[in-house]
Amino acid sequence: MTGIRLLISAIVLSLLQVGFLGWSIASRAMVLRSGQEVLLKVEPVDPRDLLRGDFVRLGYEISDVPAGLVVNRGTQAQADGMIRVRLRKGADGFWHPVSAALGSSLPAAPAGGEVDVLGTISSGLPQDEHATLRVDYGIGRFYLPEGEGKAIEHDMRVRSFGIVAAVSADGAMQIKALMDGDRKLFSEPLY
């Protein structure tokens, strides 16, 4: 009888693990498939991960949010706190921050042509409205085929690169593609 209980427990635990993995993969694929696309300007940081191969570590223009854009600046900001940043497409084709709010929501819904993204504050909120607030959106790495990292890192220092990100309804972002100007270099597979 104890052996049967142990077997049933192992099967239930295995099904829970498979279900969780399936849910994680499906939710990421849903954002990539149906999320709103935004083009973000990127800056390279580092091209290699010893365990996972070549990648481009990306910094974003939208990661430095001017403190003057934060509508509820009087609120106490903490490192690792949530911030919602509203983006609007600029004349250059890239999306730029136009307002932000500490916490998980802005006071009003985004207008047409705007999208809200959720990030984490990497530093406390400066009191000077001309300073910048560092924000992490969880999209800092893009993995590449073996041997491609160094060449792309070099090219990123010479000309403008971007990423196409898919934004879910709740503001989470997933990288969809790495762009070299108007040319798509690499796309993320759905699964």
C-alpha atoms as a PDB file:
ATOM      1  CA  MET A   1       0.000   0.000   0.000  1.00  0.00           C
ATOM      2  CA  THR A   2       2.857   2.404   0.799  1.00  0.00           C
ATOM      3  CA  GLY A   3       4.410   1.711  -2.597  1.00  0.00           C
ATOM      4  CA  ILE A   4       1.169   2.646  -4.381  1.00  0.00           C
ATOM      5  CA  ARG A   5       0.897   5.932  -2.451  1.00  0.00           C
ATOM      6  CA  LEU A   6       4.493   6.736  -3.299  1.00  0.00           C
ATOM      7  CA  LEU A   7       3.860   5.993  -6.984  1.00  0.00           C
ATOM      8  CA  ILE A   8       0.688   8.127  -7.025  1.00  0.00           C
ATOM      9  CA  SER A   9       2.518  10.981  -5.270  1.00  0.00           C
ATOM     10  CA  ALA A  10       5.351  10.812  -7.813  1.00  0.00           C
ATOM     11  CA  ILE A  11       2.895  10.856 -10.727  1.00  0.00           C
ATOM     12  CA  VAL A  12       0.965  13.830  -9.290  1.00  0.00           C
ATOM     13  CA  LEU A  13       4.210  15.739  -8.658  1.00  0.00           C
ATOM     14  CA  SER A  14       5.408  15.008 -12.203  1.00  0.00           C
ATOM     15  CA  LEU A  15       2.106  16.212 -13.673  1.00  0.00           C
ATOM     16  CA  LEU A  16       2.321  19.431 -11.646  1.00  0.00           C
ATOM     17  CA  GLN A  17       5.862  20.085 -12.883  1.00  0.00           C
ATOM     18  CA  VAL A  18       4.940  19.410 -16.510  1.00  0.00           C
ATOM     19  CA  GLY A  19       1.852  21.608 -16.137  1.00  0.00           C
ATOM     20  CA  PHE A  20       3.906  24.488 -14.710  1.00  0.00           C
ATOM     21  CA  LEU A  21       6.496  24.247 -17.502  1.00  0.00           C
ATOM     22  CA  GLY A  22       3.742  24.105 -20.129  1.00  0.00           C
ATOM     23  CA  TRP A  23       2.021  27.145 -18.595  1.00  0.00           C
ATOM     24  CA  SER A  24       5.312  29.123 -18.556  1.00  0.00           C
ATOM     25  CA  ILE A  25       6.050  28.333 -22.185  1.00  0.00           C
ATOM     26  CA  ALA A  26       2.482  28.979 -23.347  1.00  0.00           C
ATOM     27  CA  SER A  27       2.221  32.333 -21.539  1.00  0.00           C
ATOM     28  CA  ARG A  28       5.499  33.532 -23.107  1.00  0.00           C
ATOM     29  CA  ALA A  29       4.336  32.374 -26.534  1.00  0.00           C
ATOM     30  CA  MET A  30       1.005  34.195 -26.036  1.00  0.00           C
ATOM     31  CA  VAL A  31       2.819  37.495 -25.418  1.00  0.00           C
ATOM     32  CA  LEU A  32       5.026  36.953 -28.486  1.00  0.00           C
ATOM     33  CA  ARG A  33       2.030  36.042 -30.647  1.00  0.00           C
ATOM     34  CA  SER A  34      -0.514  38.646 -29.579  1.00  0.00           C
ATOM     35  CA  GLY A  35       1.298  41.387 -27.632  1.00  0.00           C
ATOM     36  CA  GLN A  36       1.571  44.928 -28.999  1.00  0.00           C
ATOM     37  CA  GLU A  37       4.890  45.423 -30.803  1.00  0.00           C
ATOM     38  CA  VAL A  38       7.233  48.266 -29.887  1.00  0.00           C
ATOM     39  CA  LEU A  39      10.651  49.051 -31.368  1.00  0.00           C
ATOM     40  CA  LEU A  40      13.260  49.942 -28.749  1.00  0.00           C
ATOM     41  CA  LYS A  41      16.716  51.406 -29.356  1.00  0.00           C
ATOM     42  CA  VAL A  42      19.439  49.256 -27.806  1.00  0.00           C
ATOM     43  CA  GLU A  43      23.042  49.593 -26.720  1.00  0.00           C
ATOM     44  CA  PRO A  44      25.380  46.567 -26.364  1.00  0.00           C
ATOM     45  CA  VAL A  45      26.952  45.633 -23.051  1.00  0.00           C
ATOM     46  CA  ASP A  46      28.518  42.127 -23.239  1.00  0.00           C
ATOM     47  CA  PRO A  47      28.523  39.290 -25.845  1.00  0.00           C
ATOM     48  CA  ARG A  48      29.109  35.952 -24.048  1.00  0.00           C
ATOM     49  CA  ASP A  49      27.653  33.586 -21.433  1.00  0.00           C
ATOM     50  CA  LEU A  50      29.871  30.569 -20.756  1.00  0.00           C
ATOM     51  CA  LEU A  51      26.919  28.294 -20.000  1.00  0.00           C
ATOM     52  CA  ARG A  52      24.454  29.358 -22.710  1.00  0.00           C
ATOM     53  CA  GLY A  53      26.637  30.611 -25.576  1.00  0.00           C
ATOM     54  CA  ASP A  54      26.689  33.912 -27.430  1.00  0.00           C
ATOM     55  CA  PHE A  55      24.285  36.638 -26.518  1.00  0.00           C
ATOM     56  CA  VAL A  56      24.016  40.358 -26.728  1.00  0.00           C
ATOM     57  CA  ARG A  57      23.434  42.031 -23.392  1.00  0.00           C
ATOM     58  CA  LEU A  58      21.219  44.981 -24.111  1.00  0.00           C
ATOM     59  CA  GLY A  59      20.802  48.370 -22.530  1.00  0.00           C
ATOM     60  CA  TYR A  60      17.801  50.476 -23.504  1.00  0.00           C
ATOM     61  CA  GLU A  61      17.211  54.153 -23.881  1.00  0.00           C
ATOM     62  CA  ILE A  62      13.924  53.616 -22.005  1.00  0.00           C
ATOM     63  CA  SER A  63      15.874  52.222 -19.023  1.00  0.00           C
ATOM     64  CA  ASP A  64      16.865  55.775 -18.030  1.00  0.00           C
ATOM     65  CA  VAL A  65      13.547  57.459 -17.220  1.00  0.00           C
ATOM     66  CA  PRO A  66      13.784  61.183 -16.424  1.00  0.00           C
ATOM     67  CA  ALA A  67      12.561  61.714 -12.845  1.00  0.00           C
ATOM     68  CA  GLY A  68      10.461  64.646 -14.088  1.00  0.00           C
ATOM     69  CA  LEU A  69       8.212  62.166 -15.986  1.00  0.00           C
ATOM     70  CA  VAL A  70       7.157  60.396 -12.769  1.00  0.00           C
ATOM     71  CA  VAL A  71       3.654  61.704 -11.992  1.00  0.00           C
ATOM     72  CA  ASN A  72       3.618  60.543  -8.358  1.00  0.00           C
ATOM     73  CA  ARG A  73       7.199  61.561  -7.509  1.00  0.00           C
ATOM     74  CA  GLY A  74       6.210  62.491  -3.932  1.00  0.00           C
ATOM     75  CA  THR A  75       5.646  58.780  -3.237  1.00  0.00           C
ATOM     76  CA  GLN A  76       8.534  57.002  -1.550  1.00  0.00           C
ATOM     77  CA  ALA A  77      10.405  54.976  -4.199  1.00  0.00           C
ATOM     78  CA  GLN A  78      12.458  51.959  -3.272  1.00  0.00           C
ATOM     79  CA  ALA A  79      15.041  50.023  -5.239  1.00  0.00           C
ATOM     80  CA  ASP A  80      13.364  46.896  -6.651  1.00  0.00           C
ATOM     81  CA  GLY A  81       9.965  48.644  -6.525  1.00  0.00           C
ATOM     82  CA  MET A  82       7.559  48.520  -9.456  1.00  0.00           C
ATOM     83  CA  ILE A  83       7.150  51.352 -11.944  1.00  0.00           C
ATOM     84  CA  ARG A  84       4.844  51.660 -14.951  1.00  0.00           C
ATOM     85  CA  VAL A  85       6.282  53.619 -17.877  1.00  0.00           C
ATOM     86  CA  ARG A  86       4.128  54.950 -20.716  1.00  0.00           C
ATOM     87  CA  LEU A  87       5.785  54.786 -24.150  1.00  0.00           C
ATOM     88  CA  ARG A  88       4.901  56.606 -27.372  1.00  0.00           C
ATOM     89  CA  LYS A  89       6.352  56.033 -30.827  1.00  0.00           C
ATOM     90  CA  GLY A  90       8.679  58.853 -31.888  1.00  0.00           C
ATOM     91  CA  ALA A  91       9.451  60.284 -35.327  1.00  0.00           C
ATOM     92  CA  ASP A  92      12.591  58.091 -35.417  1.00  0.00           C
ATOM     93  CA  GLY A  93      10.441  54.919 -35.246  1.00  0.00           C
ATOM     94  CA  PHE A  94      11.599  54.022 -31.724  1.00  0.00           C
ATOM     95  CA  TRP A  95       9.325  54.179 -28.671  1.00  0.00           C
ATOM     96  CA  HIS A  96      10.234  56.667 -25.916  1.00  0.00           C
ATOM     97  CA  PRO A  97       8.984  57.270 -22.340  1.00  0.00           C
ATOM     98  CA  VAL A  98       6.420  60.078 -22.011  1.00  0.00           C
ATOM     99  CA  SER A  99       5.278  59.534 -18.402  1.00  0.00           C
ATOM    100  CA  ALA A 100       5.723  57.120 -15.522  1.00  0.00           C
ATOM    101  CA  ALA A 101       4.201  56.240 -12.160  1.00  0.00           C
ATOM    102  CA  LEU A 102       5.562  54.434  -9.137  1.00  0.00           C
ATOM    103  CA  GLY A 103       3.598  51.266  -8.465  1.00  0.00           C
ATOM    104  CA  SER A 104       1.816  49.143 -11.009  1.00  0.00           C
ATOM    105  CA  SER A 105      -0.506  51.628 -12.726  1.00  0.00           C
ATOM    106  CA  LEU A 106      -0.689  55.105 -14.206  1.00  0.00           C
ATOM    107  CA  PRO A 107      -3.647  57.360 -13.314  1.00  0.00           C
ATOM    108  CA  ALA A 108      -5.267  57.175 -16.786  1.00  0.00           C
ATOM    109  CA  ALA A 109      -5.407  54.572 -19.545  1.00  0.00           C
ATOM    110  CA  PRO A 110      -2.933  55.010 -22.404  1.00  0.00           C
ATOM    111  CA  ALA A 111      -4.140  57.000 -25.400  1.00  0.00           C
ATOM    112  CA  GLY A 112      -4.071  55.572 -28.903  1.00  0.00           C
ATOM    113  CA  GLY A 113      -0.474  55.149 -30.051  1.00  0.00           C
ATOM    114  CA  GLU A 114       0.774  54.677 -26.481  1.00  0.00           C
ATOM    115  CA  VAL A 115       1.549  51.571 -24.442  1.00  0.00           C
ATOM    116  CA  ASP A 116       2.299  51.024 -20.745  1.00  0.00           C
ATOM    117  CA  VAL A 117       5.192  48.754 -19.753  1.00  0.00           C
ATOM    118  CA  LEU A 118       6.006  47.449 -16.304  1.00  0.00           C
ATOM    119  CA  GLY A 119       9.515  47.592 -14.905  1.00  0.00           C
ATOM    120  CA  THR A 120      11.487  47.398 -11.687  1.00  0.00           C
ATOM    121  CA  ILE A 121      13.318  50.369 -10.220  1.00  0.00           C
ATOM    122  CA  SER A 122      17.053  49.619 -10.047  1.00  0.00           C
ATOM    123  CA  SER A 123      17.813  52.688  -7.918  1.00  0.00           C
ATOM    124  CA  GLY A 124      15.930  54.979  -5.557  1.00  0.00           C
ATOM    125  CA  LEU A 125      14.001  57.925  -6.966  1.00  0.00           C
ATOM    126  CA  PRO A 126      16.219  61.011  -7.133  1.00  0.00           C
ATOM    127  CA  GLN A 127      14.732  64.203  -5.732  1.00  0.00           C
ATOM    128  CA  ASP A 128      16.084  66.285  -8.628  1.00  0.00           C
ATOM    129  CA  GLU A 129      13.534  66.204 -11.472  1.00  0.00           C
ATOM    130  CA  HIS A 130      16.380  66.524 -14.010  1.00  0.00           C
ATOM    131  CA  ALA A 131      18.033  63.299 -12.821  1.00  0.00           C
ATOM    132  CA  THR A 132      17.183  59.883 -14.251  1.00  0.00           C
ATOM    133  CA  LEU A 133      15.645  56.803 -12.720  1.00  0.00           C
ATOM    134  CA  ARG A 134      17.174  53.439 -13.716  1.00  0.00           C
ATOM    135  CA  VAL A 135      14.518  50.858 -14.706  1.00  0.00           C
ATOM    136  CA  ASP A 136      14.910  47.149 -15.516  1.00  0.00           C
ATOM    137  CA  TYR A 137      12.275  45.577 -17.798  1.00  0.00           C
ATOM    138  CA  GLY A 138      13.574  41.985 -17.701  1.00  0.00           C
ATOM    139  CA  ILE A 139      14.623  41.954 -21.376  1.00  0.00           C
ATOM    140  CA  GLY A 140      18.355  42.500 -20.986  1.00  0.00           C
ATOM    141  CA  ARG A 141      19.693  39.535 -23.001  1.00  0.00           C
ATOM    142  CA  PHE A 142      19.168  38.208 -26.493  1.00  0.00           C
ATOM    143  CA  TYR A 143      20.789  34.829 -27.272  1.00  0.00           C
ATOM    144  CA  LEU A 144      22.365  34.346 -30.692  1.00  0.00           C
ATOM    145  CA  PRO A 145      23.676  31.448 -32.753  1.00  0.00           C
ATOM    146  CA  GLU A 146      27.184  30.358 -31.737  1.00  0.00           C
ATOM    147  CA  GLY A 147      29.888  32.658 -33.088  1.00  0.00           C
ATOM    148  CA  GLU A 148      27.591  35.635 -33.852  1.00  0.00           C
ATOM    149  CA  GLY A 149      27.932  37.617 -30.595  1.00  0.00           C
ATOM    150  CA  LYS A 150      31.234  39.425 -31.115  1.00  0.00           C
ATOM    151  CA  ALA A 151      30.436  40.557 -34.668  1.00  0.00           C
ATOM    152  CA  ILE A 152      27.024  41.891 -33.670  1.00  0.00           C
ATOM    153  CA  GLU A 153      28.456  43.592 -30.591  1.00  0.00           C
ATOM    154  CA  HIS A 154      30.978  45.346 -32.851  1.00  0.00           C
ATOM    155  CA  ASP A 155      28.293  46.373 -35.360  1.00  0.00           C
ATOM    156  CA  MET A 156      26.096  47.755 -32.547  1.00  0.00           C
ATOM    157  CA  ARG A 157      28.858  50.172 -31.617  1.00  0.00           C
ATOM    158  CA  VAL A 158      28.995  51.453 -35.204  1.00  0.00           C
ATOM    159  CA  ARG A 159      25.321  51.764 -36.224  1.00  0.00           C
ATOM    160  CA  SER A 160      21.822  51.827 -34.764  1.00  0.00           C
ATOM    161  CA  PHE A 161      20.253  48.553 -33.631  1.00  0.00           C
ATOM    162  CA  GLY A 162      16.907  47.881 -32.014  1.00  0.00           C
ATOM    163  CA  ILE A 163      14.682  45.128 -30.763  1.00  0.00           C
ATOM    164  CA  VAL A 164      11.050  44.473 -31.474  1.00  0.00           C
ATOM    165  CA  ALA A 165       9.379  43.715 -28.143  1.00  0.00           C
ATOM    166  CA  ALA A 166       5.912  42.292 -27.639  1.00  0.00           C
ATOM    167  CA  VAL A 167       4.016  43.911 -24.751  1.00  0.00           C
ATOM    168  CA  SER A 168       1.261  41.984 -22.962  1.00  0.00           C
ATOM    169  CA  ALA A 169      -1.906  43.616 -21.656  1.00  0.00           C
ATOM    170  CA  ASP A 170      -0.393  43.791 -18.158  1.00  0.00           C
ATOM    171  CA  GLY A 171       2.778  45.534 -19.412  1.00  0.00           C
ATOM    172  CA  ALA A 172       5.239  42.622 -19.438  1.00  0.00           C
ATOM    173  CA  MET A 173       7.678  42.626 -22.372  1.00  0.00           C
ATOM    174  CA  GLN A 174       9.269  39.799 -24.348  1.00  0.00           C
ATOM    175  CA  ILE A 175      11.927  40.256 -27.032  1.00  0.00           C
ATOM    176  CA  LYS A 176      10.556  39.211 -30.401  1.00  0.00           C
ATOM    177  CA  ALA A 177      13.406  40.107 -32.788  1.00  0.00           C
ATOM    178  CA  LEU A 178      16.800  41.793 -33.027  1.00  0.00           C
ATOM    179  CA  MET A 179      16.892  44.490 -35.712  1.00  0.00           C
ATOM    180  CA  ASP A 180      19.840  46.018 -37.603  1.00  0.00           C
ATOM    181  CA  GLY A 181      18.189  49.189 -38.857  1.00  0.00           C
ATOM    182  CA  ASP A 182      15.167  47.958 -40.858  1.00  0.00           C
ATOM    183  CA  ARG A 183      16.578  44.445 -41.297  1.00  0.00           C
ATOM    184  CA  LYS A 184      15.499  41.656 -38.935  1.00  0.00           C
ATOM    185  CA  LEU A 185      18.599  39.709 -37.927  1.00  0.00           C
ATOM    186  CA  PHE A 186      17.149  37.097 -35.572  1.00  0.00           C
ATOM    187  CA  SER A 187      13.647  36.230 -34.365  1.00  0.00           C
ATOM    188  CA  GLU A 188      12.682  34.490 -31.148  1.00  0.00           C
ATOM    189  CA  PRO A 189      10.828  31.234 -31.772  1.00  0.00           C
ATOM    190  CA  LEU A 190       7.399  30.947 -30.132  1.00  0.00           C
ATOM    191  CA  TYR A 191       8.316  27.639 -28.468  1.00  0.00           C
END
